[in-house]
Amino acid sequence: MHIQKVYNYYLNNNLKHAAGLAYLAHPVSQVYY
């Protein structure tokens, strides 16, 4: 079992998701939508 690989994949997805939400929630981003 490649637990470390799965953990890294899960962690990277969470970071990308959090960054995406932060970008969408940022007031400046509203200018582009």
PDB file of N, CA and C in Angstrom:
ATOM      1  N   MET A   1       0.840  -1.206   0.000  1.00  0.00           N
ATOM      2  CA  MET A   1       0.000   0.000   0.000  1.00  0.00           C
ATOM      3  C   MET A   1       0.869   1.249   0.000  1.00  0.00           C
ATOM      4  N   HIS A   2       0.524   2.175  -0.871  1.00  0.00           N
ATOM      5  CA  HIS A   2       1.301   3.411  -0.968  1.00  0.00           C
ATOM      6  C   HIS A   2       0.568   4.511  -0.215  1.00  0.00           C
ATOM      7  N   ILE A   3       0.640   4.424   1.100  1.00  0.00           N
ATOM      8  CA  ILE A   3      -0.101   5.379   1.930  1.00  0.00           C
ATOM      9  C   ILE A   3       0.427   6.795   1.742  1.00  0.00           C
ATOM     10  N   GLN A   4       1.744   6.932   1.652  1.00  0.00           N
ATOM     11  CA  GLN A   4       2.333   8.268   1.517  1.00  0.00           C
ATOM     12  C   GLN A   4       1.890   8.926   0.217  1.00  0.00           C
ATOM     13  N   LYS A   5       1.832   8.133  -0.858  1.00  0.00           N
ATOM     14  CA  LYS A   5       1.419   8.688  -2.147  1.00  0.00           C
ATOM     15  C   LYS A   5      -0.029   9.143  -2.083  1.00  0.00           C
ATOM     16  N   VAL A   6      -0.876   8.330  -1.479  1.00  0.00           N
ATOM     17  CA  VAL A   6      -2.292   8.676  -1.345  1.00  0.00           C
ATOM     18  C   VAL A   6      -2.447   9.912  -0.480  1.00  0.00           C
ATOM     19  N   TYR A   7      -1.661   9.980   0.600  1.00  0.00           N
ATOM     20  CA  TYR A   7      -1.736  11.135   1.501  1.00  0.00           C
ATOM     21  C   TYR A   7      -1.306  12.403   0.779  1.00  0.00           C
ATOM     22  N   ASN A   8      -0.226  12.323   0.013  1.00  0.00           N
ATOM     23  CA  ASN A   8       0.256  13.497  -0.723  1.00  0.00           C
ATOM     24  C   ASN A   8      -0.770  13.943  -1.749  1.00  0.00           C
ATOM     25  N   TYR A   9      -1.403  12.978  -2.427  1.00  0.00           N
ATOM     26  CA  TYR A   9      -2.418  13.298  -3.430  1.00  0.00           C
ATOM     27  C   TYR A   9      -3.594  13.994  -2.770  1.00  0.00           C
ATOM     28  N   TYR A  10      -4.015  13.454  -1.627  1.00  0.00           N
ATOM     29  CA  TYR A  10      -5.141  14.032  -0.883  1.00  0.00           C
ATOM     30  C   TYR A  10      -4.803  15.431  -0.388  1.00  0.00           C
ATOM     31  N   LEU A  11      -3.593  15.598   0.126  1.00  0.00           N
ATOM     32  CA  LEU A  11      -3.170  16.892   0.665  1.00  0.00           C
ATOM     33  C   LEU A  11      -3.082  17.931  -0.453  1.00  0.00           C
ATOM     34  N   ASN A  12      -2.494  17.547  -1.590  1.00  0.00           N
ATOM     35  CA  ASN A  12      -2.364  18.478  -2.711  1.00  0.00           C
ATOM     36  C   ASN A  12      -3.730  18.903  -3.226  1.00  0.00           C
ATOM     37  N   ASN A  13      -4.679  17.964  -3.291  1.00  0.00           N
ATOM     38  CA  ASN A  13      -6.017  18.314  -3.760  1.00  0.00           C
ATOM     39  C   ASN A  13      -6.673  19.287  -2.801  1.00  0.00           C
ATOM     40  N   ASN A  14      -6.475  19.080  -1.492  1.00  0.00           N
ATOM     41  CA  ASN A  14      -7.071  19.974  -0.507  1.00  0.00           C
ATOM     42  C   ASN A  14      -6.482  21.374  -0.619  1.00  0.00           C
ATOM     43  N   LEU A  15      -5.179  21.467  -0.860  1.00  0.00           N
ATOM     44  CA  LEU A  15      -4.531  22.773  -0.976  1.00  0.00           C
ATOM     45  C   LEU A  15      -5.034  23.510  -2.211  1.00  0.00           C
ATOM     46  N   LYS A  16      -5.175  22.774  -3.316  1.00  0.00           N
ATOM     47  CA  LYS A  16      -5.659  23.403  -4.549  1.00  0.00           C
ATOM     48  C   LYS A  16      -7.097  23.858  -4.370  1.00  0.00           C
ATOM     49  N   HIS A  17      -7.896  23.033  -3.697  1.00  0.00           N
ATOM     50  CA  HIS A  17      -9.302  23.361  -3.480  1.00  0.00           C
ATOM     51  C   HIS A  17      -9.421  24.593  -2.588  1.00  0.00           C
ATOM     52  N   ALA A  18      -8.609  24.630  -1.528  1.00  0.00           N
ATOM     53  CA  ALA A  18      -8.653  25.767  -0.598  1.00  0.00           C
ATOM     54  C   ALA A  18      -8.194  27.040  -1.313  1.00  0.00           C
ATOM     55  N   ALA A  19      -7.178  26.921  -2.142  1.00  0.00           N
ATOM     56  CA  ALA A  19      -6.680  28.087  -2.877  1.00  0.00           C
ATOM     57  C   ALA A  19      -7.739  28.574  -3.859  1.00  0.00           C
ATOM     58  N   GLY A  20      -8.442  27.639  -4.492  1.00  0.00           N
ATOM     59  CA  GLY A  20      -9.497  28.004  -5.433  1.00  0.00           C
ATOM     60  C   GLY A  20     -10.632  28.720  -4.736  1.00  0.00           C
ATOM     61  N   LEU A  21     -11.022  28.212  -3.560  1.00  0.00           N
ATOM     62  CA  LEU A  21     -12.104  28.847  -2.813  1.00  0.00           C
ATOM     63  C   LEU A  21     -11.687  30.232  -2.348  1.00  0.00           C
ATOM     64  N   ALA A  22     -10.443  30.361  -1.893  1.00  0.00           N
ATOM     65  CA  ALA A  22      -9.953  31.655  -1.415  1.00  0.00           C
ATOM     66  C   ALA A  22      -9.945  32.657  -2.570  1.00  0.00           C
ATOM     67  N   TYR A  23      -9.558  32.195  -3.756  1.00  0.00           N
ATOM     68  CA  TYR A  23      -9.524  33.084  -4.925  1.00  0.00           C
ATOM     69  C   TYR A  23     -10.937  33.522  -5.304  1.00  0.00           C
ATOM     70  N   LEU A  24     -11.885  32.564  -5.309  1.00  0.00           N
ATOM     71  CA  LEU A  24     -13.262  32.900  -5.674  1.00  0.00           C
ATOM     72  C   LEU A  24     -13.900  33.811  -4.642  1.00  0.00           C
ATOM     73  N   ALA A  25     -13.508  33.637  -3.380  1.00  0.00           N
ATOM     74  CA  ALA A  25     -14.106  34.425  -2.305  1.00  0.00           C
ATOM     75  C   ALA A  25     -13.470  35.813  -2.198  1.00  0.00           C
ATOM     76  N   HIS A  26     -12.315  35.991  -2.838  1.00  0.00           N
ATOM     77  CA  HIS A  26     -11.621  37.272  -2.742  1.00  0.00           C
ATOM     78  C   HIS A  26     -12.401  38.352  -3.498  1.00  0.00           C
ATOM     79  N   PRO A  27     -12.601  39.508  -2.883  1.00  0.00           N
ATOM     80  CA  PRO A  27     -13.380  40.593  -3.498  1.00  0.00           C
ATOM     81  C   PRO A  27     -12.872  40.995  -4.881  1.00  0.00           C
ATOM     82  N   VAL A  28     -11.569  41.014  -5.062  1.00  0.00           N
ATOM     83  CA  VAL A  28     -10.999  41.443  -6.339  1.00  0.00           C
ATOM     84  C   VAL A  28     -11.418  40.499  -7.465  1.00  0.00           C
ATOM     85  N   SER A  29     -11.582  39.200  -7.134  1.00  0.00           N
ATOM     86  CA  SER A  29     -11.939  38.229  -8.160  1.00  0.00           C
ATOM     87  C   SER A  29     -13.323  38.514  -8.738  1.00  0.00           C
ATOM     88  N   GLN A  30     -14.161  39.217  -7.992  1.00  0.00           N
ATOM     89  CA  GLN A  30     -15.509  39.512  -8.464  1.00  0.00           C
ATOM     90  C   GLN A  30     -15.478  40.408  -9.700  1.00  0.00           C
ATOM     91  N   VAL A  31     -14.397  41.160  -9.868  1.00  0.00           N
ATOM     92  CA  VAL A  31     -14.285  42.063 -11.011  1.00  0.00           C
ATOM     93  C   VAL A  31     -14.241  41.267 -12.310  1.00  0.00           C
ATOM     94  N   TYR A  32     -13.654  40.066 -12.248  1.00  0.00           N
ATOM     95  CA  TYR A  32     -13.475  39.268 -13.452  1.00  0.00           C
ATOM     96  C   TYR A  32     -14.664  38.368 -13.758  1.00  0.00           C
ATOM     97  N   TYR A  33     -15.650  38.350 -12.856  1.00  0.00           N
ATOM     98  CA  TYR A  33     -16.803  37.463 -13.098  1.00  0.00           C
ATOM     99  C   TYR A  33     -18.043  38.305 -13.278  1.00  0.00           C
TER     100      TYR A  33
END
